[in-house]
Protein backbone atom coordinates (compact mmCIF):
# COMPACT_ATOMS: atom_id res chain seq x y z
CA UNK A 1 110.22 90.11 102.13
CA UNK A 2 111.46 93.19 100.29
CA UNK A 3 109.08 96.08 101.03
CA UNK A 4 108.54 98.18 97.97
CA UNK A 5 107.94 101.70 96.74
CA UNK A 6 105.10 102.80 94.48
CA UNK A 7 106.04 102.66 90.81
CA UNK A 8 104.97 106.26 90.17
CA UNK A 9 107.45 107.49 92.78
CA UNK A 10 110.33 105.33 91.49
CA UNK A 11 109.47 106.18 87.87
CA UNK A 12 109.92 109.87 88.67
CA UNK A 13 113.33 109.17 90.21
CA UNK A 14 114.21 106.99 87.22
CA UNK A 15 113.26 109.76 84.76
CA UNK A 16 115.21 112.41 86.68
CA UNK A 17 118.33 110.21 86.71
CA UNK A 18 117.94 109.35 83.02
CA UNK A 19 117.73 113.07 82.21
CA UNK A 20 121.09 113.46 83.97
CA UNK A 21 122.64 110.76 81.75
CA UNK A 22 122.45 107.77 84.11
CA UNK A 23 121.90 104.39 82.39
CA UNK A 24 118.83 103.55 84.45
CA UNK A 25 117.70 100.84 82.03
CA UNK A 26 120.25 98.45 83.54
CA UNK A 27 118.53 98.69 86.94
CA UNK A 28 114.90 99.36 86.08
CA UNK A 29 113.84 98.72 82.48
CA UNK A 30 111.27 101.08 80.98
CA UNK A 31 109.13 98.03 80.34
CA UNK A 32 108.74 97.36 84.10
CA UNK A 33 105.09 96.85 84.88
CA UNK A 34 103.62 96.64 88.33
CA UNK A 35 102.30 98.85 91.06
CA UNK A 36 105.34 98.45 93.34
CA UNK A 37 109.10 98.34 92.79
CA UNK A 38 111.16 96.27 95.23
CA UNK A 39 113.04 98.43 97.71
CA UNK A 40 116.36 96.86 96.74
CA UNK A 41 115.77 97.93 93.12
CA UNK A 42 114.99 101.50 94.20
CA UNK A 43 118.16 101.49 96.32
CA UNK A 44 120.17 100.21 93.36
CA UNK A 45 118.79 103.02 91.21
CA UNK A 46 119.95 105.65 93.73
CA UNK A 47 123.32 103.89 94.17
CA UNK A 48 123.87 103.85 90.41
CA UNK A 49 122.99 107.53 90.17
CA UNK A 50 125.34 108.43 93.03
CA UNK A 51 128.22 106.47 91.47
CA UNK A 52 127.64 107.67 87.91
CA UNK A 53 127.29 111.32 88.86
CA UNK A 54 129.80 111.15 91.73
CA UNK A 55 127.12 112.67 93.93
CA UNK A 56 126.81 111.36 97.50
CA UNK A 57 123.74 113.58 97.97
CA UNK A 58 121.92 112.11 94.98
CA UNK A 59 118.53 112.10 96.69
CA UNK A 60 118.69 115.87 97.17
CA UNK A 61 119.84 116.33 93.58
CA UNK A 62 117.06 114.15 92.21
CA UNK A 63 114.22 115.64 94.25
CA UNK A 64 114.88 119.03 92.67
CA UNK A 65 114.45 117.50 89.22
CA UNK A 66 111.09 115.85 89.89
CA UNK A 67 108.21 118.04 88.74
CA UNK A 68 105.20 118.71 90.94
CA UNK A 69 102.88 115.77 90.46
CA UNK A 70 105.79 113.36 90.12
CA UNK A 71 105.09 111.64 93.41
CA UNK A 72 101.36 111.23 93.00
CA UNK A 73 98.96 111.64 95.88
CA UNK A 74 101.64 113.03 98.19
CA UNK A 75 102.22 115.99 95.86
CA UNK A 76 98.49 116.61 95.63
CA UNK A 77 98.23 116.52 99.41
CA UNK A 78 101.08 118.99 99.87
CA UNK A 79 99.77 121.38 97.22
CA UNK A 80 96.18 121.45 98.45
CA UNK A 81 96.76 121.83 102.18
CA UNK A 82 95.99 125.18 103.81
CA UNK A 83 98.97 125.08 106.20
CA UNK A 84 102.29 123.29 106.49
CA UNK A 85 101.05 121.49 109.59
CA UNK A 86 97.95 120.30 107.73
CA UNK A 87 100.12 119.18 104.82
CA UNK A 88 102.42 117.20 107.11
CA UNK A 89 99.48 115.57 108.87
CA UNK A 90 97.98 114.48 105.57
CA UNK A 91 101.28 113.28 104.12
CA UNK A 92 101.94 111.21 107.24
CA UNK A 93 98.45 109.76 106.95
CA UNK A 94 98.92 108.79 103.28
CA UNK A 95 102.63 107.91 103.30
CA UNK A 96 101.85 104.20 102.98
CA UNK A 97 100.56 104.84 99.45
CA UNK A 98 104.10 105.76 98.40
CA UNK A 99 106.14 103.19 100.27
CA UNK A 100 105.95 99.97 102.23
CA UNK A 101 109.43 100.59 103.60
CA UNK A 102 108.70 103.22 106.19
CA UNK A 103 105.90 104.75 108.19
CA UNK A 104 105.84 108.51 108.61
CA UNK A 105 104.50 109.93 111.85
CA UNK A 106 103.84 113.55 112.74
CA UNK A 107 104.41 113.98 116.47
CA UNK A 108 102.86 117.20 117.75
CA UNK A 109 103.59 118.78 121.10
CA UNK A 110 101.86 122.12 121.60
CA UNK A 111 103.34 124.62 119.16
CA UNK A 112 106.07 122.28 117.95
CA UNK A 113 106.01 119.20 115.79
CA UNK A 114 108.47 116.71 114.33
CA UNK A 115 108.39 114.05 111.65
CA UNK A 116 109.49 110.57 112.68
CA UNK A 117 110.28 107.85 110.13
CA UNK A 118 109.82 104.28 111.26
CA UNK A 119 111.71 101.80 109.06
CA UNK A 120 109.62 98.69 108.32
């Protein structure tokens, strides 16, 4: 099984890479239709972007090019939370909407907290 990532999340990455001149069509055609993109396809998209742009930190480069709203419910959750802690709680709670590949957990201990990603 190849756990996937929500199409709206991958489509935002695809658009950001295309805007930077990456031939994303070869990995994920614009005609792709479905709620989820296979994780290996998403990985290939990032790999292509990193190679084409000679950018080993492509994920950091791409995230800055995705407009607010580009990752769906997670953006909404972040933008409407009263505090950072509340935002992180809600994002961890809804992370499964964006990806089947990992679970996000907020571990709180008194005044400190940390995010833990569990690969599926």
